Amino acid sequence: ALTGVYNILRYDGIYGNEATPLWEDTATPNAYNYSDAKGFNSI
């Protein structure tokens, strides 16, 4: 059950999916998300 609590950390929207934490920088003048993956370029 506790492992299940940890498991969410690797889910889409938290720190999982292809590159959720890396894409967050594309909402800044550091980087560009040309495909708007997960809506980061809309942000």
PDB file of all heavy atoms in Angstrom:
ATOM      1  N   ALA A   1       0.827  -1.203   0.000  1.00  0.00           N
ATOM      2  CA  ALA A   1       0.000   0.000   0.000  1.00  0.00           C
ATOM      3  C   ALA A   1       0.864   1.257   0.000  1.00  0.00           C
ATOM      4  O   ALA A   1       0.560   2.232  -0.703  1.00  0.00           O
ATOM      5  CB  ALA A   1      -0.930  -0.007   1.208  1.00  0.00           C
ATOM      6  N   LEU A   2       1.949   1.248   0.778  1.00  0.00           N
ATOM      7  CA  LEU A   2       2.833   2.410   0.800  1.00  0.00           C
ATOM      8  C   LEU A   2       3.547   2.567  -0.542  1.00  0.00           C
ATOM      9  O   LEU A   2       3.737   3.683  -1.030  1.00  0.00           O
ATOM     10  CB  LEU A   2       3.850   2.280   1.934  1.00  0.00           C
ATOM     11  CG  LEU A   2       4.800   3.472   2.128  1.00  0.00           C
ATOM     12  CD1 LEU A   2       4.031   4.766   2.349  1.00  0.00           C
ATOM     13  CD2 LEU A   2       5.760   3.214   3.285  1.00  0.00           C
ATOM     14  N   THR A   3       3.922   1.456  -1.153  1.00  0.00           N
ATOM     15  CA  THR A   3       4.513   1.506  -2.488  1.00  0.00           C
ATOM     16  C   THR A   3       3.556   2.164  -3.465  1.00  0.00           C
ATOM     17  O   THR A   3       3.958   2.928  -4.347  1.00  0.00           O
ATOM     18  CB  THR A   3       4.878   0.089  -2.968  1.00  0.00           C
ATOM     19  OG1 THR A   3       5.868  -0.457  -2.105  1.00  0.00           O
ATOM     20  CG2 THR A   3       5.412   0.098  -4.390  1.00  0.00           C
ATOM     21  N   GLY A   4       2.273   1.895  -3.296  1.00  0.00           N
ATOM     22  CA  GLY A   4       1.273   2.528  -4.152  1.00  0.00           C
ATOM     23  C   GLY A   4       1.234   4.033  -3.998  1.00  0.00           C
ATOM     24  O   GLY A   4       0.933   4.753  -4.960  1.00  0.00           O
ATOM     25  N   VAL A   5       1.530   4.535  -2.805  1.00  0.00           N
ATOM     26  CA  VAL A   5       1.577   5.989  -2.595  1.00  0.00           C
ATOM     27  C   VAL A   5       2.760   6.580  -3.346  1.00  0.00           C
ATOM     28  O   VAL A   5       2.658   7.622  -4.005  1.00  0.00           O
ATOM     29  CB  VAL A   5       1.639   6.329  -1.099  1.00  0.00           C
ATOM     30  CG1 VAL A   5       1.499   7.842  -0.894  1.00  0.00           C
ATOM     31  CG2 VAL A   5       0.548   5.607  -0.307  1.00  0.00           C
ATOM     32  N   TYR A   6       3.912   5.908  -3.255  1.00  0.00           N
ATOM     33  CA  TYR A   6       5.090   6.346  -4.003  1.00  0.00           C
ATOM     34  C   TYR A   6       4.837   6.294  -5.508  1.00  0.00           C
ATOM     35  O   TYR A   6       5.331   7.131  -6.260  1.00  0.00           O
ATOM     36  CB  TYR A   6       6.282   5.430  -3.698  1.00  0.00           C
ATOM     37  CG  TYR A   6       7.068   5.739  -2.454  1.00  0.00           C
ATOM     38  CD1 TYR A   6       6.841   5.049  -1.266  1.00  0.00           C
ATOM     39  CD2 TYR A   6       8.093   6.680  -2.461  1.00  0.00           C
ATOM     40  CE1 TYR A   6       7.583   5.287  -0.124  1.00  0.00           C
ATOM     41  CE2 TYR A   6       8.854   6.935  -1.329  1.00  0.00           C
ATOM     42  CZ  TYR A   6       8.599   6.236  -0.163  1.00  0.00           C
ATOM     43  OH  TYR A   6       9.350   6.483   0.960  1.00  0.00           O
ATOM     44  N   ASN A   7       4.115   5.288  -5.946  1.00  0.00           N
ATOM     45  CA  ASN A   7       3.967   5.008  -7.366  1.00  0.00           C
ATOM     46  C   ASN A   7       3.420   6.194  -8.156  1.00  0.00           C
ATOM     47  O   ASN A   7       3.764   6.402  -9.324  1.00  0.00           O
ATOM     48  CB  ASN A   7       3.026   3.805  -7.549  1.00  0.00           C
ATOM     49  CG  ASN A   7       3.019   3.273  -8.963  1.00  0.00           C
ATOM     50  OD1 ASN A   7       4.048   3.223  -9.621  1.00  0.00           O
ATOM     51  ND2 ASN A   7       1.855   2.867  -9.435  1.00  0.00           N
ATOM     52  N   ILE A   8       2.599   7.018  -7.511  1.00  0.00           N
ATOM     53  CA  ILE A   8       1.998   8.165  -8.195  1.00  0.00           C
ATOM     54  C   ILE A   8       3.071   9.154  -8.641  1.00  0.00           C
ATOM     55  O   ILE A   8       2.872   9.894  -9.613  1.00  0.00           O
ATOM     56  CB  ILE A   8       0.975   8.867  -7.275  1.00  0.00           C
ATOM     57  CG1 ILE A   8      -0.134   7.887  -6.876  1.00  0.00           C
ATOM     58  CG2 ILE A   8       0.367  10.092  -7.941  1.00  0.00           C
ATOM     59  CD1 ILE A   8      -0.918   7.336  -8.048  1.00  0.00           C
ATOM     60  N   LEU A   9       4.217   9.169  -7.982  1.00  0.00           N
ATOM     61  CA  LEU A   9       5.285  10.086  -8.363  1.00  0.00           C
ATOM     62  C   LEU A   9       5.710   9.890  -9.809  1.00  0.00           C
ATOM     63  O   LEU A   9       6.178  10.833 -10.455  1.00  0.00           O
ATOM     64  CB  LEU A   9       6.498   9.904  -7.441  1.00  0.00           C
ATOM     65  CG  LEU A   9       6.292  10.242  -5.964  1.00  0.00           C
ATOM     66  CD1 LEU A   9       7.496   9.787  -5.146  1.00  0.00           C
ATOM     67  CD2 LEU A   9       6.054  11.740  -5.782  1.00  0.00           C
ATOM     68  N   ARG A  10       5.534   8.697 -10.336  1.00  0.00           N
ATOM     69  CA  ARG A  10       5.960   8.408 -11.694  1.00  0.00           C
ATOM     70  C   ARG A  10       4.810   8.537 -12.697  1.00  0.00           C
ATOM     71  O   ARG A  10       4.948   8.136 -13.852  1.00  0.00           O
ATOM     72  CB  ARG A  10       6.574   7.000 -11.774  1.00  0.00           C
ATOM     73  CG  ARG A  10       7.856   6.861 -10.960  1.00  0.00           C
ATOM     74  CD  ARG A  10       8.696   5.675 -11.408  1.00  0.00           C
ATOM     75  NE  ARG A  10       8.024   4.409 -11.205  1.00  0.00           N
ATOM     76  CZ  ARG A  10       7.637   3.608 -12.197  1.00  0.00           C
ATOM     77  NH1 ARG A  10       7.815   3.960 -13.449  1.00  0.00           N
ATOM     78  NH2 ARG A  10       7.048   2.461 -11.924  1.00  0.00           N
ATOM     79  N   TYR A  11       3.706   9.084 -12.271  1.00  0.00           N
ATOM     80  CA  TYR A  11       2.550   9.242 -13.152  1.00  0.00           C
ATOM     81  C   TYR A  11       2.652  10.533 -13.969  1.00  0.00           C
ATOM     82  O   TYR A  11       3.299  11.509 -13.579  1.00  0.00           O
ATOM     83  CB  TYR A  11       1.257   9.259 -12.334  1.00  0.00           C
ATOM     84  CG  TYR A  11       0.688   7.898 -12.009  1.00  0.00           C
ATOM     85  CD1 TYR A  11       1.512   6.815 -11.734  1.00  0.00           C
ATOM     86  CD2 TYR A  11      -0.681   7.698 -11.964  1.00  0.00           C
ATOM     87  CE1 TYR A  11       0.980   5.573 -11.434  1.00  0.00           C
ATOM     88  CE2 TYR A  11      -1.233   6.462 -11.658  1.00  0.00           C
ATOM     89  CZ  TYR A  11      -0.393   5.395 -11.396  1.00  0.00           C
ATOM     90  OH  TYR A  11      -0.926   4.164 -11.102  1.00  0.00           O
ATOM     91  N   ASP A  12       1.954  10.509 -15.092  1.00  0.00           N
ATOM     92  CA  ASP A  12       1.810  11.689 -15.928  1.00  0.00           C
ATOM     93  C   ASP A  12       1.231  12.839 -15.107  1.00  0.00           C
ATOM     94  O   ASP A  12       0.279  12.675 -14.357  1.00  0.00           O
ATOM     95  CB  ASP A  12       0.866  11.338 -17.083  1.00  0.00           C
ATOM     96  CG  ASP A  12       0.736  12.448 -18.097  1.00  0.00           C
ATOM     97  OD1 ASP A  12       1.494  13.419 -18.013  1.00  0.00           O
ATOM     98  OD2 ASP A  12      -0.133  12.332 -18.971  1.00  0.00           O
ATOM     99  N   GLY A  13       1.843  14.007 -15.225  1.00  0.00           N
ATOM    100  CA  GLY A  13       1.391  15.174 -14.477  1.00  0.00           C
ATOM    101  C   GLY A  13       2.197  15.435 -13.231  1.00  0.00           C
ATOM    102  O   GLY A  13       2.174  16.543 -12.703  1.00  0.00           O
ATOM    103  N   ILE A  14       2.888  14.414 -12.732  1.00  0.00           N
ATOM    104  CA  ILE A  14       3.761  14.608 -11.559  1.00  0.00           C
ATOM    105  C   ILE A  14       5.200  14.609 -12.074  1.00  0.00           C
ATOM    106  O   ILE A  14       5.642  15.586 -12.648  1.00  0.00           O
ATOM    107  CB  ILE A  14       3.500  13.527 -10.485  1.00  0.00           C
ATOM    108  CG1 ILE A  14       1.998  13.490 -10.136  1.00  0.00           C
ATOM    109  CG2 ILE A  14       4.300  13.818  -9.221  1.00  0.00           C
ATOM    110  CD1 ILE A  14       1.444  14.774  -9.533  1.00  0.00           C
ATOM    111  N   TYR A  15       5.938  13.509 -11.899  1.00  0.00           N
ATOM    112  CA  TYR A  15       7.301  13.453 -12.409  1.00  0.00           C
ATOM    113  C   TYR A  15       7.468  12.369 -13.469  1.00  0.00           C
ATOM    114  O   TYR A  15       8.582  11.981 -13.793  1.00  0.00           O
ATOM    115  CB  TYR A  15       8.284  13.187 -11.260  1.00  0.00           C
ATOM    116  CG  TYR A  15       8.272  14.251 -10.191  1.00  0.00           C
ATOM    117  CD1 TYR A  15       7.829  13.970  -8.904  1.00  0.00           C
ATOM    118  CD2 TYR A  15       8.693  15.544 -10.465  1.00  0.00           C
ATOM    119  CE1 TYR A  15       7.807  14.940  -7.911  1.00  0.00           C
ATOM    120  CE2 TYR A  15       8.679  16.525  -9.485  1.00  0.00           C
ATOM    121  CZ  TYR A  15       8.238  16.218  -8.214  1.00  0.00           C
ATOM    122  OH  TYR A  15       8.227  17.176  -7.251  1.00  0.00           O
ATOM    123  N   GLY A  16       6.357  11.865 -14.006  1.00  0.00           N
ATOM    124  CA  GLY A  16       6.436  10.760 -14.925  1.00  0.00           C
ATOM    125  C   GLY A  16       6.123  11.145 -16.356  1.00  0.00           C
ATOM    126  O   GLY A  16       6.365  12.262 -16.785  1.00  0.00           O
ATOM    127  N   ASN A  17       5.561  10.185 -17.109  1.00  0.00           N
ATOM    128  CA  ASN A  17       5.327  10.301 -18.532  1.00  0.00           C
ATOM    129  C   ASN A  17       6.677  10.432 -19.245  1.00  0.00           C
ATOM    130  O   ASN A  17       7.723  10.085 -18.692  1.00  0.00           O
ATOM    131  CB  ASN A  17       4.394  11.474 -18.840  1.00  0.00           C
ATOM    132  CG  ASN A  17       3.832  11.403 -20.251  1.00  0.00           C
ATOM    133  OD1 ASN A  17       4.246  12.161 -21.103  1.00  0.00           O
ATOM    134  ND2 ASN A  17       2.921  10.478 -20.503  1.00  0.00           N
ATOM    135  N   GLU A  18       6.682  10.911 -20.478  1.00  0.00           N
ATOM    136  CA  GLU A  18       7.936  10.977 -21.215  1.00  0.00           C
ATOM    137  C   GLU A  18       8.949  11.911 -20.554  1.00  0.00           C
ATOM    138  O   GLU A  18      10.110  11.580 -20.415  1.00  0.00           O
ATOM    139  CB  GLU A  18       7.698  11.438 -22.657  1.00  0.00           C
ATOM    140  CG  GLU A  18       6.899  10.464 -23.501  1.00  0.00           C
ATOM    141  CD  GLU A  18       5.437  10.895 -23.604  1.00  0.00           C
ATOM    142  OE1 GLU A  18       4.937  11.549 -22.658  1.00  0.00           O
ATOM    143  OE2 GLU A  18       4.814  10.567 -24.626  1.00  0.00           O
ATOM    144  N   ALA A  19       8.481  13.096 -20.171  1.00  0.00           N
ATOM    145  CA  ALA A  19       9.440  14.078 -19.661  1.00  0.00           C
ATOM    146  C   ALA A  19       8.757  15.214 -18.926  1.00  0.00           C
ATOM    147  O   ALA A  19       9.142  16.368 -19.060  1.00  0.00           O
ATOM    148  CB  ALA A  19      10.265  14.637 -20.818  1.00  0.00           C
ATOM    149  N   THR A  20       7.761  14.928 -18.120  1.00  0.00           N
ATOM    150  CA  THR A  20       6.999  15.987 -17.459  1.00  0.00           C
ATOM    151  C   THR A  20       7.885  17.006 -16.750  1.00  0.00           C
ATOM    152  O   THR A  20       7.728  18.219 -16.961  1.00  0.00           O
ATOM    153  CB  THR A  20       5.976  15.399 -16.484  1.00  0.00           C
ATOM    154  OG1 THR A  20       5.055  14.581 -17.210  1.00  0.00           O
ATOM    155  CG2 THR A  20       5.203  16.484 -15.768  1.00  0.00           C
ATOM    156  N   PRO A  21       8.843  16.613 -15.891  1.00  0.00           N
ATOM    157  CA  PRO A  21       9.619  17.641 -15.194  1.00  0.00           C
ATOM    158  C   PRO A  21      10.544  18.425 -16.120  1.00  0.00           C
ATOM    159  O   PRO A  21      10.821  19.597 -15.864  1.00  0.00           O
ATOM    160  CB  PRO A  21      10.416  16.835 -14.160  1.00  0.00           C
ATOM    161  CG  PRO A  21      10.484  15.456 -14.711  1.00  0.00           C
ATOM    162  CD  PRO A  21       9.197  15.254 -15.447  1.00  0.00           C
ATOM    163  N   LEU A  22      11.009  17.793 -17.207  1.00  0.00           N
ATOM    164  CA  LEU A  22      11.883  18.502 -18.135  1.00  0.00           C
ATOM    165  C   LEU A  22      11.099  19.507 -18.966  1.00  0.00           C
ATOM    166  O   LEU A  22      11.595  20.586 -19.307  1.00  0.00           O
ATOM    167  CB  LEU A  22      12.595  17.518 -19.067  1.00  0.00           C
ATOM    168  CG  LEU A  22      13.322  16.332 -18.433  1.00  0.00           C
ATOM    169  CD1 LEU A  22      14.187  15.629 -19.488  1.00  0.00           C
ATOM    170  CD2 LEU A  22      14.172  16.748 -17.246  1.00  0.00           C
ATOM    171  N   TRP A  23       9.872  19.164 -19.311  1.00  0.00           N
ATOM    172  CA  TRP A  23       9.047  20.062 -20.119  1.00  0.00           C
ATOM    173  C   TRP A  23       8.652  21.319 -19.367  1.00  0.00           C
ATOM    174  O   TRP A  23       8.325  22.334 -19.987  1.00  0.00           O
ATOM    175  CB  TRP A  23       7.790  19.332 -20.588  1.00  0.00           C
ATOM    176  CG  TRP A  23       8.018  18.403 -21.739  1.00  0.00           C
ATOM    177  CD1 TRP A  23       8.942  18.533 -22.739  1.00  0.00           C
ATOM    178  CD2 TRP A  23       7.293  17.208 -22.021  1.00  0.00           C
ATOM    179  NE1 TRP A  23       8.839  17.489 -23.612  1.00  0.00           N
ATOM    180  CE2 TRP A  23       7.838  16.662 -23.204  1.00  0.00           C
ATOM    181  CE3 TRP A  23       6.241  16.544 -21.397  1.00  0.00           C
ATOM    182  CZ2 TRP A  23       7.358  15.484 -23.766  1.00  0.00           C
ATOM    183  CZ3 TRP A  23       5.764  15.371 -21.953  1.00  0.00           C
ATOM    184  CH2 TRP A  23       6.316  14.849 -23.125  1.00  0.00           C
ATOM    185  N   GLU A  24       8.670  21.294 -18.049  1.00  0.00           N
ATOM    186  CA  GLU A  24       8.229  22.480 -17.301  1.00  0.00           C
ATOM    187  C   GLU A  24       9.095  23.692 -17.620  1.00  0.00           C
ATOM    188  O   GLU A  24       8.622  24.826 -17.614  1.00  0.00           O
ATOM    189  CB  GLU A  24       8.215  22.206 -15.796  1.00  0.00           C
ATOM    190  CG  GLU A  24       7.508  23.281 -15.013  1.00  0.00           C
ATOM    191  CD  GLU A  24       6.389  22.755 -14.129  1.00  0.00           C
ATOM    192  OE1 GLU A  24       5.913  21.621 -14.344  1.00  0.00           O
ATOM    193  OE2 GLU A  24       5.991  23.473 -13.224  1.00  0.00           O
ATOM    194  N   ASP A  25      10.375  23.453 -17.945  1.00  0.00           N
ATOM    195  CA  ASP A  25      11.236  24.576 -18.318  1.00  0.00           C
ATOM    196  C   ASP A  25      10.812  25.211 -19.631  1.00  0.00           C
ATOM    197  O   ASP A  25      11.196  26.346 -19.926  1.00  0.00           O
ATOM    198  CB  ASP A  25      12.696  24.117 -18.400  1.00  0.00           C
ATOM    199  CG  ASP A  25      13.547  24.707 -17.293  1.00  0.00           C
ATOM    200  OD1 ASP A  25      13.029  24.853 -16.171  1.00  0.00           O
ATOM    201  OD2 ASP A  25      14.727  25.034 -17.540  1.00  0.00           O
ATOM    202  N   THR A  26      10.030  24.493 -20.460  1.00  0.00           N
ATOM    203  CA  THR A  26       9.597  25.059 -21.737  1.00  0.00           C
ATOM    204  C   THR A  26       8.496  26.097 -21.564  1.00  0.00           C
ATOM    205  O   THR A  26       8.123  26.752 -22.535  1.00  0.00           O
ATOM    206  CB  THR A  26       9.127  23.954 -22.703  1.00  0.00           C
ATOM    207  OG1 THR A  26       7.918  23.346 -22.224  1.00  0.00           O
ATOM    208  CG2 THR A  26      10.190  22.882 -22.874  1.00  0.00           C
ATOM    209  N   ALA A  27       8.000  26.252 -20.357  1.00  0.00           N
ATOM    210  CA  ALA A  27       7.054  27.331 -20.060  1.00  0.00           C
ATOM    211  C   ALA A  27       7.789  28.603 -19.666  1.00  0.00           C
ATOM    212  O   ALA A  27       7.172  29.558 -19.190  1.00  0.00           O
ATOM    213  CB  ALA A  27       6.096  26.904 -18.949  1.00  0.00           C
ATOM    214  N   THR A  28       9.109  28.632 -19.873  1.00  0.00           N
ATOM    215  CA  THR A  28       9.962  29.765 -19.506  1.00  0.00           C
ATOM    216  C   THR A  28      10.816  30.159 -20.708  1.00  0.00           C
ATOM    217  O   THR A  28      10.856  29.450 -21.714  1.00  0.00           O
ATOM    218  CB  THR A  28      10.891  29.394 -18.333  1.00  0.00           C
ATOM    219  OG1 THR A  28      12.004  28.616 -18.834  1.00  0.00           O
ATOM    220  CG2 THR A  28      10.156  28.601 -17.265  1.00  0.00           C
ATOM    221  N   PRO A  29      11.558  31.253 -20.613  1.00  0.00           N
ATOM    222  CA  PRO A  29      12.474  31.613 -21.704  1.00  0.00           C
ATOM    223  C   PRO A  29      13.715  30.736 -21.767  1.00  0.00           C
ATOM    224  O   PRO A  29      14.652  31.045 -22.514  1.00  0.00           O
ATOM    225  CB  PRO A  29      12.831  33.076 -21.402  1.00  0.00           C
ATOM    226  CG  PRO A  29      12.576  33.242 -19.955  1.00  0.00           C
ATOM    227  CD  PRO A  29      11.435  32.333 -19.617  1.00  0.00           C
ATOM    228  N   ASN A  30      13.735  29.655 -21.014  1.00  0.00           N
ATOM    229  CA  ASN A  30      14.841  28.701 -21.123  1.00  0.00           C
ATOM    230  C   ASN A  30      14.698  27.776 -22.317  1.00  0.00           C
ATOM    231  O   ASN A  30      15.700  27.342 -22.891  1.00  0.00           O
ATOM    232  CB  ASN A  30      14.938  27.832 -19.861  1.00  0.00           C
ATOM    233  CG  ASN A  30      15.567  28.554 -18.690  1.00  0.00           C
ATOM    234  OD1 ASN A  30      16.084  29.653 -18.842  1.00  0.00           O
ATOM    235  ND2 ASN A  30      15.512  27.940 -17.522  1.00  0.00           N
ATOM    236  N   ALA A  31      13.471  27.397 -22.674  1.00  0.00           N
ATOM    237  CA  ALA A  31      13.298  26.319 -23.647  1.00  0.00           C
ATOM    238  C   ALA A  31      11.962  26.443 -24.366  1.00  0.00           C
ATOM    239  O   ALA A  31      11.083  27.227 -23.978  1.00  0.00           O
ATOM    240  CB  ALA A  31      13.416  24.968 -22.943  1.00  0.00           C
ATOM    241  N   TYR A  32      11.817  25.606 -25.409  1.00  0.00           N
ATOM    242  CA  TYR A  32      10.660  25.674 -26.306  1.00  0.00           C
ATOM    243  C   TYR A  32      10.123  24.270 -26.550  1.00  0.00           C
ATOM    244  O   TYR A  32      10.884  23.350 -26.862  1.00  0.00           O
ATOM    245  CB  TYR A  32      11.100  26.312 -27.624  1.00  0.00           C
ATOM    246  CG  TYR A  32      10.026  26.454 -28.673  1.00  0.00           C
ATOM    247  CD1 TYR A  32       8.835  27.126 -28.408  1.00  0.00           C
ATOM    248  CD2 TYR A  32      10.228  25.956 -29.965  1.00  0.00           C
ATOM    249  CE1 TYR A  32       7.861  27.284 -29.396  1.00  0.00           C
ATOM    250  CE2 TYR A  32       9.271  26.118 -30.953  1.00  0.00           C
ATOM    251  CZ  TYR A  32       8.087  26.777 -30.666  1.00  0.00           C
ATOM    252  OH  TYR A  32       7.136  26.927 -31.642  1.00  0.00           O
ATOM    253  N   ASN A  33       8.817  24.119 -26.414  1.00  0.00           N
ATOM    254  CA  ASN A  33       8.138  22.840 -26.636  1.00  0.00           C
ATOM    255  C   ASN A  33       7.298  22.999 -27.908  1.00  0.00           C
ATOM    256  O   ASN A  33       6.140  23.395 -27.850  1.00  0.00           O
ATOM    257  CB  ASN A  33       7.277  22.499 -25.418  1.00  0.00           C
ATOM    258  CG  ASN A  33       6.639  21.137 -25.487  1.00  0.00           C
ATOM    259  OD1 ASN A  33       6.385  20.609 -26.559  1.00  0.00           O
ATOM    260  ND2 ASN A  33       6.360  20.563 -24.323  1.00  0.00           N
ATOM    261  N   TYR A  34       7.912  22.691 -29.053  1.00  0.00           N
ATOM    262  CA  TYR A  34       7.279  22.982 -30.345  1.00  0.00           C
ATOM    263  C   TYR A  34       6.007  22.176 -30.575  1.00  0.00           C
ATOM    264  O   TYR A  34       5.120  22.600 -31.328  1.00  0.00           O
ATOM    265  CB  TYR A  34       8.262  22.721 -31.489  1.00  0.00           C
ATOM    266  CG  TYR A  34       8.642  21.265 -31.656  1.00  0.00           C
ATOM    267  CD1 TYR A  34       7.908  20.422 -32.485  1.00  0.00           C
ATOM    268  CD2 TYR A  34       9.739  20.747 -30.988  1.00  0.00           C
ATOM    269  CE1 TYR A  34       8.256  19.090 -32.629  1.00  0.00           C
ATOM    270  CE2 TYR A  34      10.089  19.422 -31.123  1.00  0.00           C
ATOM    271  CZ  TYR A  34       9.354  18.590 -31.950  1.00  0.00           C
ATOM    272  OH  TYR A  34       9.696  17.267 -32.072  1.00  0.00           O
ATOM    273  N   SER A  35       5.877  21.000 -29.940  1.00  0.00           N
ATOM    274  CA  SER A  35       4.704  20.155 -30.167  1.00  0.00           C
ATOM    275  C   SER A  35       3.588  20.420 -29.168  1.00  0.00           C
ATOM    276  O   SER A  35       2.532  19.804 -29.258  1.00  0.00           O
ATOM    277  CB  SER A  35       5.108  18.678 -30.089  1.00  0.00           C
ATOM    278  OG  SER A  35       5.409  18.307 -28.752  1.00  0.00           O
ATOM    279  N   ASP A  36       3.831  21.335 -28.233  1.00  0.00           N
ATOM    280  CA  ASP A  36       2.871  21.613 -27.158  1.00  0.00           C
ATOM    281  C   ASP A  36       2.547  20.350 -26.362  1.00  0.00           C
ATOM    282  O   ASP A  36       1.403  20.157 -25.923  1.00  0.00           O
ATOM    283  CB  ASP A  36       1.587  22.232 -27.705  1.00  0.00           C
ATOM    284  CG  ASP A  36       0.771  22.948 -26.632  1.00  0.00           C
ATOM    285  OD1 ASP A  36       1.359  23.356 -25.603  1.00  0.00           O
ATOM    286  OD2 ASP A  36      -0.446  23.088 -26.799  1.00  0.00           O
ATOM    287  N   ALA A  37       3.544  19.499 -26.164  1.00  0.00           N
ATOM    288  CA  ALA A  37       3.344  18.272 -25.396  1.00  0.00           C
ATOM    289  C   ALA A  37       2.808  18.602 -24.012  1.00  0.00           C
ATOM    290  O   ALA A  37       3.361  19.423 -23.288  1.00  0.00           O
ATOM    291  CB  ALA A  37       4.663  17.497 -25.275  1.00  0.00           C
ATOM    292  N   LYS A  38       1.670  17.961 -23.681  1.00  0.00           N
ATOM    293  CA  LYS A  38       0.986  18.132 -22.401  1.00  0.00           C
ATOM    294  C   LYS A  38       0.565  19.569 -22.133  1.00  0.00           C
ATOM    295  O   LYS A  38       0.297  19.950 -20.994  1.00  0.00           O
ATOM    296  CB  LYS A  38       1.851  17.601 -21.242  1.00  0.00           C
ATOM    297  CG  LYS A  38       2.209  16.139 -21.392  1.00  0.00           C
ATOM    298  CD  LYS A  38       0.987  15.269 -21.558  1.00  0.00           C
ATOM    299  CE  LYS A  38       1.355  13.816 -21.836  1.00  0.00           C
ATOM    300  NZ  LYS A  38       0.162  12.984 -22.100  1.00  0.00           N
ATOM    301  N   GLY A  39       0.519  20.391 -23.172  1.00  0.00           N
ATOM    302  CA  GLY A  39       0.023  21.754 -23.033  1.00  0.00           C
ATOM    303  C   GLY A  39       1.037  22.744 -22.505  1.00  0.00           C
ATOM    304  O   GLY A  39       0.672  23.889 -22.209  1.00  0.00           O
ATOM    305  N   PHE A  40       2.319  22.369 -22.434  1.00  0.00           N
ATOM    306  CA  PHE A  40       3.291  23.286 -21.847  1.00  0.00           C
ATOM    307  C   PHE A  40       3.516  24.525 -22.703  1.00  0.00           C
ATOM    308  O   PHE A  40       3.757  25.612 -22.179  1.00  0.00           O
ATOM    309  CB  PHE A  40       4.617  22.560 -21.589  1.00  0.00           C
ATOM    310  CG  PHE A  40       4.637  21.784 -20.307  1.00  0.00           C
ATOM    311  CD1 PHE A  40       4.509  20.405 -20.305  1.00  0.00           C
ATOM    312  CD2 PHE A  40       4.775  22.433 -19.089  1.00  0.00           C
ATOM    313  CE1 PHE A  40       4.529  19.689 -19.118  1.00  0.00           C
ATOM    314  CE2 PHE A  40       4.791  21.728 -17.898  1.00  0.00           C
ATOM    315  CZ  PHE A  40       4.661  20.348 -17.912  1.00  0.00           C
ATOM    316  N   ASN A  41       3.437  24.388 -24.029  1.00  0.00           N
ATOM    317  CA  ASN A  41       3.637  25.584 -24.833  1.00  0.00           C
ATOM    318  C   ASN A  41       2.419  26.493 -24.809  1.00  0.00           C
ATOM    319  O   ASN A  41       2.536  27.706 -24.998  1.00  0.00           O
ATOM    320  CB  ASN A  41       3.995  25.231 -26.276  1.00  0.00           C
ATOM    321  CG  ASN A  41       4.612  26.420 -26.985  1.00  0.00           C
ATOM    322  OD1 ASN A  41       5.656  26.918 -26.575  1.00  0.00           O
ATOM    323  ND2 ASN A  41       3.955  26.914 -28.026  1.00  0.00           N
ATOM    324  N   SER A  42       1.245  25.930 -24.567  1.00  0.00           N
ATOM    325  CA  SER A  42       0.074  26.787 -24.371  1.00  0.00           C
ATOM    326  C   SER A  42       0.257  27.646 -23.126  1.00  0.00           C
ATOM    327  O   SER A  42      -0.128  28.819 -23.101  1.00  0.00           O
ATOM    328  CB  SER A  42      -1.199  25.938 -24.250  1.00  0.00           C
ATOM    329  OG  SER A  42      -1.511  25.305 -25.469  1.00  0.00           O
ATOM    330  N   ILE A  43       0.833  27.055 -22.099  1.00  0.00           N
ATOM    331  CA  ILE A  43       1.137  27.815 -20.889  1.00  0.00           C
ATOM    332  C   ILE A  43       2.164  28.892 -21.203  1.00  0.00           C
ATOM    333  O   ILE A  43       2.023  30.056 -20.804  1.00  0.00           O
ATOM    334  CB  ILE A  43       1.642  26.875 -19.778  1.00  0.00           C
ATOM    335  CG1 ILE A  43       0.549  25.883 -19.375  1.00  0.00           C
ATOM    336  CG2 ILE A  43       2.116  27.677 -18.565  1.00  0.00           C
ATOM    337  CD1 ILE A  43       1.027  24.776 -18.453  1.00  0.00           C
TER     338      ILE A  43
END
